[in-house]
Amino acid sequence: MANQAPIALVMGSDSDLPKLENTLAVLKALEIPLEVRVISAHRTPDELRQWLDEAVPDGLKVIIAAAGMAAHLAGACAAHTTIPVIGIPIVGGALSGLDALLSTVNMPGGVPVGTVGLGSAGAKNAALFAAQILGVADAGIAKRVAEMRAADADAVRAKDAKVRAAYPGE
């Protein structure tokens, strides 16, 4: 790919996409180009390896890998590259995502995966973490991340003021 995006969001199935809306929204708001892929660690492992072999030399800096159930995608990515990999365990299946969380977080020594929590907060945090990684070398991204976090803090302060006004105490 001639103009490789610095961040890739790869998921094991397109059914995961609706659960990743916060990831997409945060990166869009931060104006960070993103490549989005569906590649299965189990069903298309050769395509995964080929994609990594091409995308990393072309400029991919951070991988966000989302998968449910066995959730081997983040680990498979980390096994084939040394760039940061952030795993998003997807809620679903018989164990409501616990299996995906444990699979993503329990990696062998030497093959790290930064793992975020389950649900929409995890999807948001994966995007913010990826942006913070890029922000180490890009002051513009770092500034936009700081502004987003400040806006989140302002939203909490506004909610606090509203609740305090509704329940002023004695």
N, C-alpha and C. Protein backbone atom coordinates (compact mmCIF):
# COMPACT_ATOMS: atom_id res chain seq x y z
N MET A 1 0.86 -1.18 0.00
CA MET A 1 0.00 0.00 0.00
C MET A 1 0.89 1.23 0.00
N ALA A 2 0.68 2.14 -0.91
CA ALA A 2 1.55 3.30 -1.07
C ALA A 2 1.46 4.26 0.12
N ASN A 3 0.28 4.55 0.59
CA ASN A 3 0.09 5.48 1.70
C ASN A 3 -0.52 4.74 2.89
N GLN A 4 0.28 3.95 3.54
CA GLN A 4 -0.18 3.14 4.67
C GLN A 4 -0.61 4.05 5.82
N ALA A 5 -1.80 3.82 6.35
CA ALA A 5 -2.25 4.53 7.54
C ALA A 5 -1.38 4.12 8.72
N PRO A 6 -1.17 5.01 9.69
CA PRO A 6 -0.30 4.65 10.82
C PRO A 6 -0.94 3.67 11.80
N ILE A 7 -2.27 3.60 11.80
CA ILE A 7 -3.00 2.69 12.69
C ILE A 7 -3.87 1.78 11.85
N ALA A 8 -3.91 0.51 12.23
CA ALA A 8 -4.83 -0.43 11.59
C ALA A 8 -5.74 -1.02 12.65
N LEU A 9 -7.01 -1.12 12.32
CA LEU A 9 -7.98 -1.83 13.14
C LEU A 9 -8.32 -3.10 12.38
N VAL A 10 -7.93 -4.22 12.94
CA VAL A 10 -8.19 -5.50 12.31
C VAL A 10 -9.11 -6.30 13.23
N MET A 11 -10.11 -6.93 12.63
CA MET A 11 -11.06 -7.72 13.43
C MET A 11 -11.21 -9.09 12.81
N GLY A 12 -11.58 -10.04 13.64
CA GLY A 12 -11.71 -11.41 13.18
C GLY A 12 -12.94 -11.66 12.34
N SER A 13 -13.96 -10.81 12.49
CA SER A 13 -15.22 -10.99 11.76
C SER A 13 -15.88 -9.64 11.57
N ASP A 14 -16.60 -9.47 10.48
CA ASP A 14 -17.31 -8.21 10.28
C ASP A 14 -18.44 -8.04 11.30
N SER A 15 -18.84 -9.11 11.96
CA SER A 15 -19.86 -8.97 13.01
C SER A 15 -19.31 -8.20 14.22
N ASP A 16 -17.99 -8.05 14.30
CA ASP A 16 -17.37 -7.27 15.38
C ASP A 16 -17.46 -5.76 15.13
N LEU A 17 -17.65 -5.36 13.89
CA LEU A 17 -17.60 -3.95 13.53
C LEU A 17 -18.53 -3.05 14.34
N PRO A 18 -19.80 -3.42 14.56
CA PRO A 18 -20.67 -2.54 15.35
C PRO A 18 -20.15 -2.32 16.78
N LYS A 19 -19.40 -3.26 17.31
CA LYS A 19 -18.87 -3.13 18.67
C LYS A 19 -17.63 -2.25 18.72
N LEU A 20 -17.16 -1.82 17.55
CA LEU A 20 -15.94 -1.03 17.47
C LEU A 20 -16.21 0.41 17.05
N GLU A 21 -17.47 0.83 17.14
CA GLU A 21 -17.82 2.19 16.73
C GLU A 21 -17.05 3.25 17.49
N ASN A 22 -16.81 3.03 18.79
CA ASN A 22 -16.06 4.01 19.58
C ASN A 22 -14.62 4.12 19.10
N THR A 23 -14.03 3.02 18.69
CA THR A 23 -12.67 3.05 18.16
C THR A 23 -12.63 3.92 16.91
N LEU A 24 -13.54 3.67 16.01
CA LEU A 24 -13.59 4.42 14.76
C LEU A 24 -13.88 5.90 15.01
N ALA A 25 -14.81 6.18 15.90
CA ALA A 25 -15.20 7.57 16.17
C ALA A 25 -14.05 8.37 16.79
N VAL A 26 -13.34 7.76 17.72
CA VAL A 26 -12.23 8.47 18.38
C VAL A 26 -11.13 8.78 17.37
N LEU A 27 -10.74 7.80 16.58
CA LEU A 27 -9.67 8.04 15.61
C LEU A 27 -10.08 9.06 14.55
N LYS A 28 -11.35 9.04 14.17
CA LYS A 28 -11.84 10.05 13.23
C LYS A 28 -11.78 11.44 13.86
N ALA A 29 -12.23 11.55 15.10
CA ALA A 29 -12.21 12.84 15.79
C ALA A 29 -10.78 13.36 15.97
N LEU A 30 -9.85 12.45 16.15
CA LEU A 30 -8.44 12.84 16.30
C LEU A 30 -7.74 13.05 14.97
N GLU A 31 -8.47 12.83 13.88
CA GLU A 31 -7.95 13.03 12.52
C GLU A 31 -6.73 12.15 12.24
N ILE A 32 -6.82 10.89 12.67
CA ILE A 32 -5.74 9.94 12.43
C ILE A 32 -6.21 8.95 11.36
N PRO A 33 -5.49 8.87 10.25
CA PRO A 33 -5.86 7.90 9.21
C PRO A 33 -5.84 6.48 9.75
N LEU A 34 -6.75 5.68 9.24
CA LEU A 34 -6.95 4.33 9.77
C LEU A 34 -7.22 3.36 8.64
N GLU A 35 -6.58 2.22 8.72
CA GLU A 35 -6.90 1.11 7.82
C GLU A 35 -7.77 0.13 8.60
N VAL A 36 -8.85 -0.32 8.01
CA VAL A 36 -9.76 -1.27 8.67
C VAL A 36 -9.78 -2.55 7.86
N ARG A 37 -9.57 -3.68 8.55
CA ARG A 37 -9.49 -4.98 7.87
C ARG A 37 -10.28 -6.03 8.64
N VAL A 38 -10.75 -7.05 7.93
CA VAL A 38 -11.30 -8.27 8.52
C VAL A 38 -10.36 -9.39 8.10
N ILE A 39 -9.64 -9.93 9.08
CA ILE A 39 -8.71 -11.03 8.84
C ILE A 39 -8.80 -11.97 10.04
N SER A 40 -9.04 -13.21 9.80
CA SER A 40 -9.19 -14.18 10.88
C SER A 40 -7.86 -14.87 11.17
N ALA A 41 -7.50 -14.90 12.45
CA ALA A 41 -6.28 -15.62 12.85
C ALA A 41 -6.39 -17.10 12.55
N HIS A 42 -7.61 -17.63 12.56
CA HIS A 42 -7.82 -19.06 12.37
C HIS A 42 -8.19 -19.44 10.94
N ARG A 43 -9.03 -18.63 10.31
CA ARG A 43 -9.53 -18.99 8.97
C ARG A 43 -8.65 -18.46 7.84
N THR A 44 -7.95 -17.36 8.08
CA THR A 44 -7.09 -16.78 7.03
C THR A 44 -5.71 -16.40 7.59
N PRO A 45 -5.02 -17.33 8.21
CA PRO A 45 -3.72 -16.99 8.81
C PRO A 45 -2.67 -16.57 7.80
N ASP A 46 -2.71 -17.12 6.60
CA ASP A 46 -1.73 -16.72 5.58
C ASP A 46 -1.94 -15.27 5.16
N GLU A 47 -3.20 -14.85 5.05
CA GLU A 47 -3.49 -13.47 4.70
C GLU A 47 -3.04 -12.52 5.81
N LEU A 48 -3.19 -12.95 7.05
CA LEU A 48 -2.73 -12.13 8.17
C LEU A 48 -1.23 -11.89 8.07
N ARG A 49 -0.49 -12.95 7.87
CA ARG A 49 0.97 -12.83 7.77
C ARG A 49 1.36 -11.97 6.57
N GLN A 50 0.72 -12.17 5.44
CA GLN A 50 1.04 -11.39 4.24
C GLN A 50 0.75 -9.91 4.48
N TRP A 51 -0.40 -9.61 5.08
CA TRP A 51 -0.75 -8.22 5.37
C TRP A 51 0.29 -7.57 6.28
N LEU A 52 0.68 -8.26 7.34
CA LEU A 52 1.68 -7.71 8.25
C LEU A 52 3.02 -7.52 7.55
N ASP A 53 3.40 -8.48 6.73
CA ASP A 53 4.67 -8.38 5.99
C ASP A 53 4.70 -7.17 5.07
N GLU A 54 3.53 -6.75 4.58
CA GLU A 54 3.47 -5.60 3.67
C GLU A 54 3.21 -4.28 4.40
N ALA A 55 2.30 -4.28 5.35
CA ALA A 55 1.86 -3.04 5.98
C ALA A 55 2.91 -2.44 6.91
N VAL A 56 3.60 -3.28 7.66
CA VAL A 56 4.58 -2.75 8.61
C VAL A 56 5.72 -2.02 7.90
N PRO A 57 6.36 -2.60 6.89
CA PRO A 57 7.41 -1.85 6.19
C PRO A 57 6.88 -0.60 5.48
N ASP A 58 5.59 -0.60 5.14
CA ASP A 58 5.00 0.55 4.45
C ASP A 58 4.60 1.68 5.40
N GLY A 59 4.76 1.49 6.71
CA GLY A 59 4.50 2.58 7.64
C GLY A 59 3.47 2.35 8.72
N LEU A 60 2.90 1.17 8.81
CA LEU A 60 1.98 0.87 9.90
C LEU A 60 2.74 0.97 11.22
N LYS A 61 2.18 1.72 12.18
CA LYS A 61 2.86 1.95 13.46
C LYS A 61 2.22 1.24 14.64
N VAL A 62 0.90 1.07 14.61
CA VAL A 62 0.17 0.47 15.72
C VAL A 62 -0.97 -0.38 15.16
N ILE A 63 -1.14 -1.56 15.73
CA ILE A 63 -2.25 -2.44 15.36
C ILE A 63 -3.23 -2.51 16.52
N ILE A 64 -4.50 -2.31 16.22
CA ILE A 64 -5.58 -2.58 17.17
C ILE A 64 -6.28 -3.82 16.64
N ALA A 65 -6.23 -4.90 17.41
CA ALA A 65 -6.80 -6.18 16.97
C ALA A 65 -7.97 -6.54 17.87
N ALA A 66 -9.14 -6.72 17.27
CA ALA A 66 -10.35 -7.02 18.02
C ALA A 66 -10.86 -8.40 17.66
N ALA A 67 -11.13 -9.20 18.68
CA ALA A 67 -11.64 -10.55 18.43
C ALA A 67 -12.38 -11.05 19.66
N GLY A 68 -13.30 -11.96 19.42
CA GLY A 68 -14.05 -12.56 20.50
C GLY A 68 -13.71 -14.03 20.66
N MET A 69 -14.34 -14.65 21.62
CA MET A 69 -14.20 -16.07 21.94
C MET A 69 -12.73 -16.46 22.13
N ALA A 70 -12.14 -17.25 21.25
CA ALA A 70 -10.75 -17.67 21.43
C ALA A 70 -9.80 -16.47 21.34
N ALA A 71 -10.17 -15.46 20.57
CA ALA A 71 -9.48 -14.16 20.52
C ALA A 71 -7.98 -14.27 20.31
N HIS A 72 -7.57 -15.03 19.33
CA HIS A 72 -6.13 -15.19 19.06
C HIS A 72 -5.57 -14.14 18.13
N LEU A 73 -6.40 -13.25 17.60
CA LEU A 73 -5.95 -12.32 16.57
C LEU A 73 -4.85 -11.39 17.06
N ALA A 74 -5.02 -10.78 18.21
CA ALA A 74 -4.00 -9.85 18.71
C ALA A 74 -2.68 -10.58 18.94
N GLY A 75 -2.74 -11.76 19.52
CA GLY A 75 -1.53 -12.54 19.74
C GLY A 75 -0.86 -12.96 18.45
N ALA A 76 -1.67 -13.32 17.47
CA ALA A 76 -1.10 -13.70 16.17
C ALA A 76 -0.41 -12.50 15.52
N CYS A 77 -1.01 -11.33 15.64
CA CYS A 77 -0.35 -10.12 15.12
C CYS A 77 0.96 -9.87 15.85
N ALA A 78 0.92 -9.94 17.17
CA ALA A 78 2.12 -9.68 17.97
C ALA A 78 3.22 -10.69 17.69
N ALA A 79 2.85 -11.91 17.36
CA ALA A 79 3.85 -12.94 17.08
C ALA A 79 4.62 -12.66 15.79
N HIS A 80 4.02 -11.88 14.90
CA HIS A 80 4.63 -11.65 13.58
C HIS A 80 5.17 -10.24 13.38
N THR A 81 5.17 -9.41 14.43
CA THR A 81 5.68 -8.05 14.28
C THR A 81 6.19 -7.54 15.61
N THR A 82 6.98 -6.49 15.57
CA THR A 82 7.45 -5.87 16.81
C THR A 82 6.82 -4.50 17.05
N ILE A 83 5.87 -4.08 16.20
CA ILE A 83 5.18 -2.82 16.47
C ILE A 83 4.13 -3.06 17.56
N PRO A 84 3.69 -2.01 18.25
CA PRO A 84 2.71 -2.20 19.32
C PRO A 84 1.40 -2.80 18.80
N VAL A 85 0.88 -3.75 19.57
CA VAL A 85 -0.41 -4.37 19.29
C VAL A 85 -1.30 -4.16 20.51
N ILE A 86 -2.48 -3.63 20.26
CA ILE A 86 -3.47 -3.41 21.31
C ILE A 86 -4.63 -4.36 21.04
N GLY A 87 -4.97 -5.17 22.01
CA GLY A 87 -6.05 -6.13 21.86
C GLY A 87 -7.35 -5.64 22.47
N ILE A 88 -8.42 -5.76 21.70
CA ILE A 88 -9.76 -5.48 22.22
C ILE A 88 -10.51 -6.80 22.30
N PRO A 89 -10.78 -7.30 23.51
CA PRO A 89 -11.61 -8.50 23.62
C PRO A 89 -13.07 -8.14 23.38
N ILE A 90 -13.70 -8.87 22.48
CA ILE A 90 -15.08 -8.57 22.09
C ILE A 90 -16.06 -9.35 22.97
N VAL A 91 -17.06 -8.65 23.48
CA VAL A 91 -18.11 -9.27 24.28
C VAL A 91 -18.97 -10.14 23.37
N GLY A 92 -19.24 -11.36 23.81
CA GLY A 92 -20.09 -12.27 23.06
C GLY A 92 -19.83 -13.70 23.48
N GLY A 93 -20.53 -14.60 22.85
CA GLY A 93 -20.34 -16.02 23.12
C GLY A 93 -20.90 -16.45 24.46
N ALA A 94 -20.67 -17.70 24.79
CA ALA A 94 -21.23 -18.31 25.99
C ALA A 94 -20.71 -17.66 27.28
N LEU A 95 -19.51 -17.08 27.23
CA LEU A 95 -18.91 -16.51 28.43
C LEU A 95 -18.94 -14.98 28.45
N SER A 96 -19.72 -14.38 27.56
CA SER A 96 -19.93 -12.93 27.52
C SER A 96 -18.63 -12.13 27.44
N GLY A 97 -17.64 -12.67 26.77
CA GLY A 97 -16.39 -11.95 26.55
C GLY A 97 -15.28 -12.28 27.52
N LEU A 98 -15.58 -12.98 28.61
CA LEU A 98 -14.53 -13.33 29.56
C LEU A 98 -13.46 -14.20 28.90
N ASP A 99 -13.89 -15.13 28.05
CA ASP A 99 -12.92 -15.97 27.34
C ASP A 99 -12.02 -15.12 26.45
N ALA A 100 -12.59 -14.14 25.77
CA ALA A 100 -11.80 -13.27 24.90
C ALA A 100 -10.84 -12.41 25.71
N LEU A 101 -11.30 -11.90 26.85
CA LEU A 101 -10.44 -11.09 27.71
C LEU A 101 -9.24 -11.89 28.20
N LEU A 102 -9.51 -13.08 28.72
CA LEU A 102 -8.41 -13.89 29.25
C LEU A 102 -7.45 -14.34 28.15
N SER A 103 -7.98 -14.65 26.98
CA SER A 103 -7.13 -15.06 25.86
C SER A 103 -6.25 -13.91 25.39
N THR A 104 -6.79 -12.71 25.39
CA THR A 104 -6.04 -11.55 24.90
C THR A 104 -4.99 -11.09 25.89
N VAL A 105 -5.32 -11.14 27.16
CA VAL A 105 -4.40 -10.62 28.18
C VAL A 105 -3.30 -11.62 28.55
N ASN A 106 -3.55 -12.90 28.42
CA ASN A 106 -2.57 -13.92 28.84
C ASN A 106 -1.67 -14.34 27.69
N MET A 107 -0.66 -13.52 27.44
CA MET A 107 0.30 -13.80 26.38
C MET A 107 1.60 -14.32 27.00
N PRO A 108 2.33 -15.15 26.26
CA PRO A 108 3.60 -15.63 26.79
C PRO A 108 4.62 -14.50 26.83
N GLY A 109 5.58 -14.61 27.74
CA GLY A 109 6.64 -13.62 27.82
C GLY A 109 7.33 -13.45 26.48
N GLY A 110 7.59 -12.21 26.11
CA GLY A 110 8.27 -11.93 24.86
C GLY A 110 7.35 -11.60 23.70
N VAL A 111 6.04 -11.79 23.88
CA VAL A 111 5.07 -11.48 22.82
C VAL A 111 3.96 -10.62 23.44
N PRO A 112 4.27 -9.34 23.70
CA PRO A 112 3.31 -8.51 24.43
C PRO A 112 2.14 -8.04 23.57
N VAL A 113 0.99 -7.99 24.23
CA VAL A 113 -0.22 -7.37 23.68
C VAL A 113 -0.78 -6.47 24.78
N GLY A 114 -0.92 -5.19 24.48
CA GLY A 114 -1.58 -4.29 25.41
C GLY A 114 -3.08 -4.54 25.30
N THR A 115 -3.71 -4.90 26.40
CA THR A 115 -5.12 -5.30 26.36
C THR A 115 -5.98 -4.26 27.07
N VAL A 116 -7.07 -3.87 26.43
CA VAL A 116 -8.02 -2.95 27.04
C VAL A 116 -9.22 -3.75 27.54
N GLY A 117 -10.12 -3.08 28.21
CA GLY A 117 -11.27 -3.74 28.78
C GLY A 117 -12.34 -4.10 27.76
N LEU A 118 -13.36 -4.75 28.26
CA LEU A 118 -14.49 -5.17 27.44
C LEU A 118 -15.42 -3.99 27.16
N GLY A 119 -16.21 -4.09 26.12
CA GLY A 119 -17.28 -3.15 25.85
C GLY A 119 -16.83 -1.86 25.18
N SER A 120 -17.74 -0.89 25.20
CA SER A 120 -17.49 0.36 24.47
C SER A 120 -16.35 1.17 25.08
N ALA A 121 -16.15 1.08 26.39
CA ALA A 121 -15.02 1.78 27.01
C ALA A 121 -13.70 1.21 26.51
N GLY A 122 -13.62 -0.11 26.39
CA GLY A 122 -12.41 -0.72 25.85
C GLY A 122 -12.14 -0.31 24.42
N ALA A 123 -13.20 -0.22 23.63
CA ALA A 123 -13.05 0.20 22.23
C ALA A 123 -12.53 1.63 22.15
N LYS A 124 -13.05 2.50 23.01
CA LYS A 124 -12.58 3.89 23.05
C LYS A 124 -11.13 3.95 23.53
N ASN A 125 -10.83 3.22 24.59
CA ASN A 125 -9.48 3.26 25.15
C ASN A 125 -8.43 2.72 24.19
N ALA A 126 -8.79 1.74 23.39
CA ALA A 126 -7.83 1.22 22.40
C ALA A 126 -7.43 2.33 21.42
N ALA A 127 -8.40 3.10 20.97
CA ALA A 127 -8.10 4.20 20.05
C ALA A 127 -7.25 5.26 20.72
N LEU A 128 -7.61 5.62 21.95
CA LEU A 128 -6.82 6.63 22.66
C LEU A 128 -5.40 6.15 22.93
N PHE A 129 -5.26 4.89 23.30
CA PHE A 129 -3.93 4.35 23.57
C PHE A 129 -3.08 4.35 22.30
N ALA A 130 -3.67 3.95 21.19
CA ALA A 130 -2.95 3.97 19.92
C ALA A 130 -2.54 5.40 19.56
N ALA A 131 -3.44 6.35 19.77
CA ALA A 131 -3.13 7.75 19.48
C ALA A 131 -2.02 8.26 20.39
N GLN A 132 -2.05 7.88 21.65
CA GLN A 132 -1.00 8.29 22.58
C GLN A 132 0.36 7.73 22.15
N ILE A 133 0.38 6.51 21.64
CA ILE A 133 1.63 5.93 21.14
C ILE A 133 2.16 6.79 20.00
N LEU A 134 1.30 7.13 19.05
CA LEU A 134 1.72 7.98 17.94
C LEU A 134 2.10 9.37 18.42
N GLY A 135 1.42 9.85 19.45
CA GLY A 135 1.66 11.18 19.98
C GLY A 135 3.04 11.38 20.57
N VAL A 136 3.71 10.31 20.92
CA VAL A 136 5.08 10.42 21.42
C VAL A 136 5.97 11.10 20.38
N ALA A 137 5.74 10.82 19.12
CA ALA A 137 6.56 11.38 18.04
C ALA A 137 5.82 12.42 17.20
N ASP A 138 4.57 12.73 17.54
CA ASP A 138 3.77 13.66 16.74
C ASP A 138 3.05 14.62 17.68
N ALA A 139 3.57 15.84 17.79
CA ALA A 139 3.01 16.81 18.73
C ALA A 139 1.57 17.18 18.40
N GLY A 140 1.21 17.17 17.13
CA GLY A 140 -0.16 17.48 16.75
C GLY A 140 -1.15 16.46 17.28
N ILE A 141 -0.80 15.18 17.16
CA ILE A 141 -1.67 14.13 17.70
C ILE A 141 -1.72 14.23 19.22
N ALA A 142 -0.58 14.44 19.86
CA ALA A 142 -0.55 14.55 21.32
C ALA A 142 -1.46 15.69 21.79
N LYS A 143 -1.44 16.80 21.08
CA LYS A 143 -2.29 17.94 21.44
C LYS A 143 -3.77 17.59 21.29
N ARG A 144 -4.12 16.92 20.21
CA ARG A 144 -5.53 16.55 19.99
C ARG A 144 -6.01 15.55 21.04
N VAL A 145 -5.14 14.62 21.45
CA VAL A 145 -5.50 13.68 22.51
C VAL A 145 -5.74 14.44 23.81
N ALA A 146 -4.84 15.37 24.15
CA ALA A 146 -5.01 16.16 25.37
C ALA A 146 -6.30 16.96 25.33
N GLU A 147 -6.63 17.53 24.17
CA GLU A 147 -7.87 18.29 24.04
C GLU A 147 -9.09 17.39 24.20
N MET A 148 -9.04 16.17 23.67
CA MET A 148 -10.16 15.24 23.81
C MET A 148 -10.35 14.86 25.28
N ARG A 149 -9.25 14.60 25.96
CA ARG A 149 -9.35 14.23 27.37
C ARG A 149 -9.86 15.40 28.20
N ALA A 150 -9.45 16.62 27.85
CA ALA A 150 -9.95 17.80 28.55
C ALA A 150 -11.45 17.97 28.32
N ALA A 151 -11.91 17.71 27.11
CA ALA A 151 -13.34 17.79 26.81
C ALA A 151 -14.12 16.74 27.61
N ASP A 152 -13.55 15.54 27.75
CA ASP A 152 -14.19 14.51 28.57
C ASP A 152 -14.30 14.98 30.03
N ALA A 153 -13.24 15.60 30.54
CA ALA A 153 -13.25 16.12 31.91
C ALA A 153 -14.29 17.22 32.06
N ASP A 154 -14.38 18.11 31.07
CA ASP A 154 -15.39 19.17 31.11
C ASP A 154 -16.80 18.59 31.13
N ALA A 155 -17.02 17.51 30.40
CA ALA A 155 -18.34 16.87 30.38
C ALA A 155 -18.70 16.32 31.76
N VAL A 156 -17.72 15.75 32.46
CA VAL A 156 -17.97 15.25 33.82
C VAL A 156 -18.28 16.42 34.74
N ARG A 157 -17.54 17.51 34.63
CA ARG A 157 -17.80 18.69 35.47
C ARG A 157 -19.21 19.24 35.23
N ALA A 158 -19.65 19.26 33.99
CA ALA A 158 -20.99 19.74 33.67
C ALA A 158 -22.05 18.83 34.29
N LYS A 159 -21.83 17.52 34.23
CA LYS A 159 -22.77 16.58 34.84
C LYS A 159 -22.79 16.75 36.35
N ASP A 160 -21.63 16.98 36.95
CA ASP A 160 -21.55 17.21 38.39
C ASP A 160 -22.34 18.46 38.77
N ALA A 161 -22.18 19.54 38.01
CA ALA A 161 -22.91 20.78 38.30
C ALA A 161 -24.41 20.56 38.20
N LYS A 162 -24.83 19.80 37.21
CA LYS A 162 -26.27 19.52 37.03
C LYS A 162 -26.81 18.71 38.21
N VAL A 163 -26.09 17.70 38.64
CA VAL A 163 -26.54 16.87 39.77
C VAL A 163 -26.54 17.69 41.05
N ARG A 164 -25.50 18.48 41.26
CA ARG A 164 -25.44 19.30 42.47
C ARG A 164 -26.57 20.32 42.51
N ALA A 165 -26.94 20.85 41.34
CA ALA A 165 -28.06 21.81 41.29
C ALA A 165 -29.38 21.11 41.60
N ALA A 166 -29.53 19.88 41.15
CA ALA A 166 -30.77 19.13 41.39
C ALA A 166 -30.87 18.65 42.83
N TYR A 167 -29.73 18.43 43.47
CA TYR A 167 -29.70 17.92 44.85
C TYR A 167 -28.75 18.79 45.68
N PRO A 168 -29.19 20.00 46.01
CA PRO A 168 -28.29 20.96 46.66
C PRO A 168 -27.93 20.63 48.10
N GLY A 169 -28.60 19.70 48.71
CA GLY A 169 -28.31 19.37 50.10
C GLY A 169 -28.90 20.41 51.04
N GLU A 170 -28.56 20.28 52.27
CA GLU A 170 -29.12 21.19 53.30
C GLU A 170 -28.11 22.22 53.70
